[in-house]
């Protein structure tokens, strides 16, 4: 049966790079914190495609109309109201977050919050970590250890901090850099699915001046740390106004 619902974007970290341009080399500044890897929990529930459909076509269309064609996205059940959906959509014109709420009559409604971007400011960088052969006689560093001076930790939720700790240090740095170098973090969110070996992740940090967004997948996580591989897209955009 034909459907006029918006098509789901192609799967994978390189999908949907609408209008994206490479992120220039990171400027000098305070080094962001590198978080230690933590064990993640996995719940058996419907995937992001299910919850995206639960939003309803008018809500989905409104999100895309505000931020432009999907660059990346996720949807999940809301943490408080578990039978209702929330969603995050990144587009070339902004970041849209849709959260369930109630209207003045006590009925179900959706609160749409949009962070608009400076036109053409959305950029991306690819972060790839390949499995490595551990050299004999050289002990590997524990996950998250860094010898460079770092800034105080950002006010991240425990769940987001645990998720970031599983990512390569370069991806962690790109996601956090603006917020330890002058910007004020005002919002954040994350979503992941998979198991102890393979993981797909999405996360964003939003501030007064910048929004950063990371998505992609890792594999080999159940084995030795030096055998883990990652393929991620780190995106950054300047907030308008």
C-alpha atoms as a PDB file:
ATOM      1  CA  UNK A   1       0.000   0.000   0.000  1.00  0.00           C
ATOM      2  CA  UNK A   2       1.360   3.436  -0.899  1.00  0.00           C
ATOM      3  CA  UNK A   3       2.036   5.831   1.962  1.00  0.00           C
ATOM      4  CA  UNK A   4       2.525   9.592   2.155  1.00  0.00           C
ATOM      5  CA  UNK A   5       4.523   9.283   5.368  1.00  0.00           C
ATOM      6  CA  UNK A   6       8.061  10.709   5.183  1.00  0.00           C
ATOM      7  CA  UNK A   7      10.522   8.041   4.187  1.00  0.00           C
ATOM      8  CA  UNK A   8      12.983   6.841   6.773  1.00  0.00           C
ATOM      9  CA  UNK A   9      16.544   7.981   5.986  1.00  0.00           C
ATOM     10  CA  UNK A  10      19.080   5.436   4.762  1.00  0.00           C
ATOM     11  CA  UNK A  11      20.684   3.338   7.486  1.00  0.00           C
ATOM     12  CA  UNK A  12      24.283   3.877   8.584  1.00  0.00           C
ATOM     13  CA  UNK A  13      26.545   6.636   9.890  1.00  0.00           C
ATOM     14  CA  UNK A  14      27.260   8.038   6.424  1.00  0.00           C
ATOM     15  CA  UNK A  15      23.588   8.319   5.514  1.00  0.00           C
ATOM     16  CA  UNK A  16      21.685  11.551   5.064  1.00  0.00           C
ATOM     17  CA  UNK A  17      24.575  14.005   4.892  1.00  0.00           C
ATOM     18  CA  UNK A  18      22.315  16.710   3.462  1.00  0.00           C
ATOM     19  CA  UNK A  19      24.301  19.902   2.936  1.00  0.00           C
ATOM     20  CA  UNK A  20      27.077  18.764   5.294  1.00  0.00           C
ATOM     21  CA  UNK A  21      30.593  20.120   4.866  1.00  0.00           C
ATOM     22  CA  UNK A  22      33.812  18.899   6.492  1.00  0.00           C
ATOM     23  CA  UNK A  23      34.595  20.178   9.952  1.00  0.00           C
ATOM     24  CA  UNK A  24      37.837  22.176   9.896  1.00  0.00           C
ATOM     25  CA  UNK A  25      40.712  21.123  12.140  1.00  0.00           C
ATOM     26  CA  UNK A  26      39.867  21.711  15.786  1.00  0.00           C
ATOM     27  CA  UNK A  27      41.364  24.969  17.048  1.00  0.00           C
ATOM     28  CA  UNK A  28      43.613  25.147  20.063  1.00  0.00           C
ATOM     29  CA  UNK A  29      41.939  25.455  23.439  1.00  0.00           C
ATOM     30  CA  UNK A  30      41.123  23.580  26.591  1.00  0.00           C
ATOM     31  CA  UNK A  31      41.121  19.809  26.081  1.00  0.00           C
ATOM     32  CA  UNK A  32      37.688  18.292  26.793  1.00  0.00           C
ATOM     33  CA  UNK A  33      37.419  15.518  29.378  1.00  0.00           C
ATOM     34  CA  UNK A  34      37.781  11.949  28.156  1.00  0.00           C
ATOM     35  CA  UNK A  35      35.346   9.749  30.046  1.00  0.00           C
ATOM     36  CA  UNK A  36      36.080   6.216  31.149  1.00  0.00           C
ATOM     37  CA  UNK A  37      34.240   3.396  29.423  1.00  0.00           C
ATOM     38  CA  UNK A  38      31.280   2.072  31.385  1.00  0.00           C
ATOM     39  CA  UNK A  39      29.033  -0.956  31.049  1.00  0.00           C
ATOM     40  CA  UNK A  40      25.833  -0.089  29.207  1.00  0.00           C
ATOM     41  CA  UNK A  41      22.425  -1.583  29.876  1.00  0.00           C
ATOM     42  CA  UNK A  42      20.203  -2.899  27.097  1.00  0.00           C
ATOM     43  CA  UNK A  43      16.415  -3.062  27.295  1.00  0.00           C
ATOM     44  CA  UNK A  44      14.174  -5.130  25.052  1.00  0.00           C
ATOM     45  CA  UNK A  45      11.798  -2.662  23.464  1.00  0.00           C
ATOM     46  CA  UNK A  46      10.678  -1.465  20.062  1.00  0.00           C
ATOM     47  CA  UNK A  47      13.263   0.278  17.892  1.00  0.00           C
ATOM     48  CA  UNK A  48      13.459   3.876  16.735  1.00  0.00           C
ATOM     49  CA  UNK A  49      11.430   3.182  13.570  1.00  0.00           C
ATOM     50  CA  UNK A  50       8.452   2.052  15.679  1.00  0.00           C
ATOM     51  CA  UNK A  51       8.501   5.155  17.889  1.00  0.00           C
ATOM     52  CA  UNK A  52       8.968   7.454  14.890  1.00  0.00           C
ATOM     53  CA  UNK A  53       5.741   6.118  13.438  1.00  0.00           C
ATOM     54  CA  UNK A  54       3.994   6.557  16.812  1.00  0.00           C
ATOM     55  CA  UNK A  55       4.513  10.328  16.626  1.00  0.00           C
ATOM     56  CA  UNK A  56       1.946  10.638  13.872  1.00  0.00           C
ATOM     57  CA  UNK A  57       2.326  12.171  10.446  1.00  0.00           C
ATOM     58  CA  UNK A  58       1.453  15.808  11.354  1.00  0.00           C
ATOM     59  CA  UNK A  59       4.118  15.910  14.075  1.00  0.00           C
ATOM     60  CA  UNK A  60       6.739  14.298  11.860  1.00  0.00           C
ATOM     61  CA  UNK A  61       5.990  16.711   9.030  1.00  0.00           C
ATOM     62  CA  UNK A  62       6.189  19.697  11.383  1.00  0.00           C
ATOM     63  CA  UNK A  63       9.628  18.659  12.655  1.00  0.00           C
ATOM     64  CA  UNK A  64      11.035  18.240   9.156  1.00  0.00           C
ATOM     65  CA  UNK A  65       9.444  21.482   7.972  1.00  0.00           C
ATOM     66  CA  UNK A  66      11.238  23.366  10.755  1.00  0.00           C
ATOM     67  CA  UNK A  67      14.740  21.927  10.318  1.00  0.00           C
ATOM     68  CA  UNK A  68      14.855  20.771   6.701  1.00  0.00           C
ATOM     69  CA  UNK A  69      15.558  17.318   5.234  1.00  0.00           C
ATOM     70  CA  UNK A  70      16.703  14.717   7.761  1.00  0.00           C
ATOM     71  CA  UNK A  71      20.447  14.549   8.256  1.00  0.00           C
ATOM     72  CA  UNK A  72      20.116  12.209  11.245  1.00  0.00           C
ATOM     73  CA  UNK A  73      17.484  11.298  13.797  1.00  0.00           C
ATOM     74  CA  UNK A  74      16.248   8.976  16.487  1.00  0.00           C
ATOM     75  CA  UNK A  75      12.999   8.229  18.297  1.00  0.00           C
ATOM     76  CA  UNK A  76      12.279   6.300  21.477  1.00  0.00           C
ATOM     77  CA  UNK A  77       9.739   5.902  24.249  1.00  0.00           C
ATOM     78  CA  UNK A  78       9.739   8.790  26.697  1.00  0.00           C
ATOM     79  CA  UNK A  79      11.579   8.166  29.980  1.00  0.00           C
ATOM     80  CA  UNK A  80       8.624   9.319  32.110  1.00  0.00           C
ATOM     81  CA  UNK A  81       5.625   8.372  29.965  1.00  0.00           C
ATOM     82  CA  UNK A  82       6.784   5.041  28.578  1.00  0.00           C
ATOM     83  CA  UNK A  83       3.886   4.501  26.174  1.00  0.00           C
ATOM     84  CA  UNK A  84       4.489   7.789  24.351  1.00  0.00           C
ATOM     85  CA  UNK A  85       7.176   8.711  21.836  1.00  0.00           C
ATOM     86  CA  UNK A  86       9.748  11.444  21.741  1.00  0.00           C
ATOM     87  CA  UNK A  87      12.066  12.186  18.828  1.00  0.00           C
ATOM     88  CA  UNK A  88      15.143  14.156  17.819  1.00  0.00           C
ATOM     89  CA  UNK A  89      15.733  15.287  14.233  1.00  0.00           C
ATOM     90  CA  UNK A  90      18.894  16.975  12.981  1.00  0.00           C
ATOM     91  CA  UNK A  91      18.506  18.925   9.772  1.00  0.00           C
ATOM     92  CA  UNK A  92      20.571  21.473   7.865  1.00  0.00           C
ATOM     93  CA  UNK A  93      18.502  24.303   9.383  1.00  0.00           C
ATOM     94  CA  UNK A  94      18.314  23.174  13.001  1.00  0.00           C
ATOM     95  CA  UNK A  95      17.821  20.569  15.702  1.00  0.00           C
ATOM     96  CA  UNK A  96      14.235  19.624  16.604  1.00  0.00           C
ATOM     97  CA  UNK A  97      13.280  17.813  19.807  1.00  0.00           C
ATOM     98  CA  UNK A  98       9.699  16.591  20.207  1.00  0.00           C
ATOM     99  CA  UNK A  99       8.564  15.698  23.739  1.00  0.00           C
ATOM    100  CA  UNK A 100       5.154  14.440  24.917  1.00  0.00           C
ATOM    101  CA  UNK A 101       3.123  16.812  27.077  1.00  0.00           C
ATOM    102  CA  UNK A 102      -0.515  17.675  27.827  1.00  0.00           C
ATOM    103  CA  UNK A 103      -2.567  20.605  26.578  1.00  0.00           C
ATOM    104  CA  UNK A 104      -4.786  23.003  28.565  1.00  0.00           C
ATOM    105  CA  UNK A 105      -7.639  20.497  28.503  1.00  0.00           C
ATOM    106  CA  UNK A 106      -5.481  17.664  29.837  1.00  0.00           C
ATOM    107  CA  UNK A 107      -5.263  15.929  26.486  1.00  0.00           C
ATOM    108  CA  UNK A 108      -2.171  14.503  24.890  1.00  0.00           C
ATOM    109  CA  UNK A 109       0.011  16.917  22.949  1.00  0.00           C
ATOM    110  CA  UNK A 110       3.584  17.233  21.693  1.00  0.00           C
ATOM    111  CA  UNK A 111       6.004  20.008  22.639  1.00  0.00           C
ATOM    112  CA  UNK A 112       8.324  20.867  19.752  1.00  0.00           C
ATOM    113  CA  UNK A 113      11.561  22.672  20.610  1.00  0.00           C
ATOM    114  CA  UNK A 114      13.782  23.844  17.745  1.00  0.00           C
ATOM    115  CA  UNK A 115      17.340  25.154  17.908  1.00  0.00           C
ATOM    116  CA  UNK A 116      17.859  27.061  14.625  1.00  0.00           C
ATOM    117  CA  UNK A 117      21.234  27.040  12.880  1.00  0.00           C
ATOM    118  CA  UNK A 118      23.140  29.760  11.097  1.00  0.00           C
ATOM    119  CA  UNK A 119      22.568  28.979   7.395  1.00  0.00           C
ATOM    120  CA  UNK A 120      25.151  26.606   5.888  1.00  0.00           C
ATOM    121  CA  UNK A 121      26.980  26.225   9.219  1.00  0.00           C
ATOM    122  CA  UNK A 122      26.441  22.467   9.609  1.00  0.00           C
ATOM    123  CA  UNK A 123      29.758  20.619   9.251  1.00  0.00           C
ATOM    124  CA  UNK A 124      30.873  17.054   9.794  1.00  0.00           C
ATOM    125  CA  UNK A 125      33.976  15.000  10.508  1.00  0.00           C
ATOM    126  CA  UNK A 126      34.434  11.246  10.178  1.00  0.00           C
ATOM    127  CA  UNK A 127      36.007   9.420  13.129  1.00  0.00           C
ATOM    128  CA  UNK A 128      37.195   5.880  12.413  1.00  0.00           C
ATOM    129  CA  UNK A 129      38.849   3.534  14.875  1.00  0.00           C
ATOM    130  CA  UNK A 130      40.158   0.273  13.457  1.00  0.00           C
ATOM    131  CA  UNK A 131      41.200  -2.838  15.352  1.00  0.00           C
ATOM    132  CA  UNK A 132      44.888  -2.722  16.248  1.00  0.00           C
ATOM    133  CA  UNK A 133      47.509  -5.319  17.072  1.00  0.00           C
ATOM    134  CA  UNK A 134      48.729  -4.907  20.609  1.00  0.00           C
ATOM    135  CA  UNK A 135      52.525  -4.572  20.579  1.00  0.00           C
ATOM    136  CA  UNK A 136      54.320  -6.940  23.002  1.00  0.00           C
ATOM    137  CA  UNK A 137      55.800  -5.270  26.028  1.00  0.00           C
ATOM    138  CA  UNK A 138      53.629  -2.146  25.720  1.00  0.00           C
ATOM    139  CA  UNK A 139      50.636  -2.220  28.077  1.00  0.00           C
ATOM    140  CA  UNK A 140      47.532  -0.578  26.708  1.00  0.00           C
ATOM    141  CA  UNK A 141      46.154   2.505  28.422  1.00  0.00           C
ATOM    142  CA  UNK A 142      42.877   2.028  30.292  1.00  0.00           C
ATOM    143  CA  UNK A 143      39.858   3.400  28.435  1.00  0.00           C
ATOM    144  CA  UNK A 144      39.418   7.103  28.994  1.00  0.00           C
ATOM    145  CA  UNK A 145      42.949   7.797  30.288  1.00  0.00           C
ATOM    146  CA  UNK A 146      44.589  10.931  28.942  1.00  0.00           C
ATOM    147  CA  UNK A 147      47.838  12.705  29.774  1.00  0.00           C
ATOM    148  CA  UNK A 148      46.770  16.126  28.465  1.00  0.00           C
ATOM    149  CA  UNK A 149      45.357  18.780  30.813  1.00  0.00           C
ATOM    150  CA  UNK A 150      41.590  18.665  30.697  1.00  0.00           C
ATOM    151  CA  UNK A 151      38.744  20.928  31.695  1.00  0.00           C
ATOM    152  CA  UNK A 152      36.327  20.092  34.511  1.00  0.00           C
ATOM    153  CA  UNK A 153      33.624  17.648  33.515  1.00  0.00           C
ATOM    154  CA  UNK A 154      30.535  19.059  31.865  1.00  0.00           C
ATOM    155  CA  UNK A 155      27.137  18.697  33.589  1.00  0.00           C
ATOM    156  CA  UNK A 156      26.199  15.547  31.684  1.00  0.00           C
ATOM    157  CA  UNK A 157      23.767  12.903  32.835  1.00  0.00           C
ATOM    158  CA  UNK A 158      25.321   9.680  34.106  1.00  0.00           C
ATOM    159  CA  UNK A 159      23.870   7.767  31.152  1.00  0.00           C
ATOM    160  CA  UNK A 160      25.325  10.128  28.567  1.00  0.00           C
ATOM    161  CA  UNK A 161      28.690  10.154  30.319  1.00  0.00           C
ATOM    162  CA  UNK A 162      28.733   6.337  30.312  1.00  0.00           C
ATOM    163  CA  UNK A 163      27.877   6.242  26.622  1.00  0.00           C
ATOM    164  CA  UNK A 164      30.569   8.774  25.686  1.00  0.00           C
ATOM    165  CA  UNK A 165      33.136   6.762  27.598  1.00  0.00           C
ATOM    166  CA  UNK A 166      32.699   3.935  25.109  1.00  0.00           C
ATOM    167  CA  UNK A 167      33.546   6.177  22.124  1.00  0.00           C
ATOM    168  CA  UNK A 168      37.005   6.973  20.735  1.00  0.00           C
ATOM    169  CA  UNK A 169      38.672   9.922  22.478  1.00  0.00           C
ATOM    170  CA  UNK A 170      38.566  12.007  19.276  1.00  0.00           C
ATOM    171  CA  UNK A 171      34.782  11.649  19.022  1.00  0.00           C
ATOM    172  CA  UNK A 172      34.376  12.558  22.703  1.00  0.00           C
ATOM    173  CA  UNK A 173      36.536  15.639  22.190  1.00  0.00           C
ATOM    174  CA  UNK A 174      34.657  16.824  19.097  1.00  0.00           C
ATOM    175  CA  UNK A 175      31.317  16.470  20.840  1.00  0.00           C
ATOM    176  CA  UNK A 176      32.379  18.401  23.958  1.00  0.00           C
ATOM    177  CA  UNK A 177      34.941  20.901  22.668  1.00  0.00           C
ATOM    178  CA  UNK A 178      32.683  23.989  22.304  1.00  0.00           C
ATOM    179  CA  UNK A 179      31.334  23.566  25.837  1.00  0.00           C
ATOM    180  CA  UNK A 180      34.693  23.631  27.590  1.00  0.00           C
ATOM    181  CA  UNK A 181      35.853  26.549  25.445  1.00  0.00           C
ATOM    182  CA  UNK A 182      33.306  29.257  26.123  1.00  0.00           C
ATOM    183  CA  UNK A 183      29.861  27.941  25.258  1.00  0.00           C
ATOM    184  CA  UNK A 184      27.249  27.078  27.896  1.00  0.00           C
ATOM    185  CA  UNK A 185      25.655  23.637  27.675  1.00  0.00           C
ATOM    186  CA  UNK A 186      21.865  23.959  27.868  1.00  0.00           C
ATOM    187  CA  UNK A 187      20.537  20.586  26.687  1.00  0.00           C
ATOM    188  CA  UNK A 188      21.678  17.103  25.699  1.00  0.00           C
ATOM    189  CA  UNK A 189      20.248  13.750  24.735  1.00  0.00           C
ATOM    190  CA  UNK A 190      21.281  10.295  23.608  1.00  0.00           C
ATOM    191  CA  UNK A 191      20.006   6.986  22.277  1.00  0.00           C
ATOM    192  CA  UNK A 192      21.660   3.650  21.627  1.00  0.00           C
ATOM    193  CA  UNK A 193      20.755   0.105  20.708  1.00  0.00           C
ATOM    194  CA  UNK A 194      22.598  -3.160  20.231  1.00  0.00           C
ATOM    195  CA  UNK A 195      24.318  -5.577  22.559  1.00  0.00           C
ATOM    196  CA  UNK A 196      27.606  -6.154  24.338  1.00  0.00           C
ATOM    197  CA  UNK A 197      29.426  -6.665  21.029  1.00  0.00           C
ATOM    198  CA  UNK A 198      27.826  -4.275  18.520  1.00  0.00           C
ATOM    199  CA  UNK A 199      26.442  -0.840  19.328  1.00  0.00           C
ATOM    200  CA  UNK A 200      24.665   1.896  17.378  1.00  0.00           C
ATOM    201  CA  UNK A 201      24.645   5.339  19.007  1.00  0.00           C
ATOM    202  CA  UNK A 202      23.175   8.825  18.596  1.00  0.00           C
ATOM    203  CA  UNK A 203      23.787  11.808  20.903  1.00  0.00           C
ATOM    204  CA  UNK A 204      23.720  15.602  20.874  1.00  0.00           C
ATOM    205  CA  UNK A 205      24.929  18.472  23.031  1.00  0.00           C
ATOM    206  CA  UNK A 206      23.253  21.860  22.578  1.00  0.00           C
ATOM    207  CA  UNK A 207      24.421  25.229  23.880  1.00  0.00           C
ATOM    208  CA  UNK A 208      23.868  28.939  23.346  1.00  0.00           C
ATOM    209  CA  UNK A 209      26.320  29.093  20.451  1.00  0.00           C
ATOM    210  CA  UNK A 210      26.862  25.566  19.175  1.00  0.00           C
ATOM    211  CA  UNK A 211      25.182  22.203  18.666  1.00  0.00           C
ATOM    212  CA  UNK A 212      27.224  19.010  18.297  1.00  0.00           C
ATOM    213  CA  UNK A 213      25.836  15.641  17.222  1.00  0.00           C
ATOM    214  CA  UNK A 214      27.463  12.219  16.937  1.00  0.00           C
ATOM    215  CA  UNK A 215      26.128   9.017  15.401  1.00  0.00           C
ATOM    216  CA  UNK A 216      27.505   5.746  14.130  1.00  0.00           C
ATOM    217  CA  UNK A 217      28.346   2.228  15.203  1.00  0.00           C
ATOM    218  CA  UNK A 218      30.994   0.168  16.935  1.00  0.00           C
ATOM    219  CA  UNK A 219      31.752  -3.538  16.905  1.00  0.00           C
ATOM    220  CA  UNK A 220      34.004  -6.028  18.635  1.00  0.00           C
ATOM    221  CA  UNK A 221      33.205  -4.541  22.020  1.00  0.00           C
ATOM    222  CA  UNK A 222      32.960  -7.915  23.749  1.00  0.00           C
ATOM    223  CA  UNK A 223      36.626  -8.687  23.045  1.00  0.00           C
ATOM    224  CA  UNK A 224      39.899  -6.992  24.017  1.00  0.00           C
ATOM    225  CA  UNK A 225      39.841  -3.193  23.962  1.00  0.00           C
ATOM    226  CA  UNK A 226      42.413  -2.944  21.142  1.00  0.00           C
ATOM    227  CA  UNK A 227      40.142  -4.990  18.866  1.00  0.00           C
ATOM    228  CA  UNK A 228      37.172  -2.605  19.025  1.00  0.00           C
ATOM    229  CA  UNK A 229      36.283  -0.720  15.851  1.00  0.00           C
ATOM    230  CA  UNK A 230      34.194   2.421  15.414  1.00  0.00           C
ATOM    231  CA  UNK A 231      32.798   4.401  12.498  1.00  0.00           C
ATOM    232  CA  UNK A 232      31.243   7.690  13.558  1.00  0.00           C
ATOM    233  CA  UNK A 233      30.082  10.987  12.102  1.00  0.00           C
ATOM    234  CA  UNK A 234      30.629  14.029  14.349  1.00  0.00           C
ATOM    235  CA  UNK A 235      28.593  17.061  13.321  1.00  0.00           C
ATOM    236  CA  UNK A 236      28.670  20.663  14.515  1.00  0.00           C
ATOM    237  CA  UNK A 237      26.514  23.707  13.723  1.00  0.00           C
ATOM    238  CA  UNK A 238      26.380  27.304  14.907  1.00  0.00           C
ATOM    239  CA  UNK A 239      23.201  28.428  16.668  1.00  0.00           C
ATOM    240  CA  UNK A 240      21.399  31.342  15.004  1.00  0.00           C
ATOM    241  CA  UNK A 241      20.527  34.395  17.045  1.00  0.00           C
END
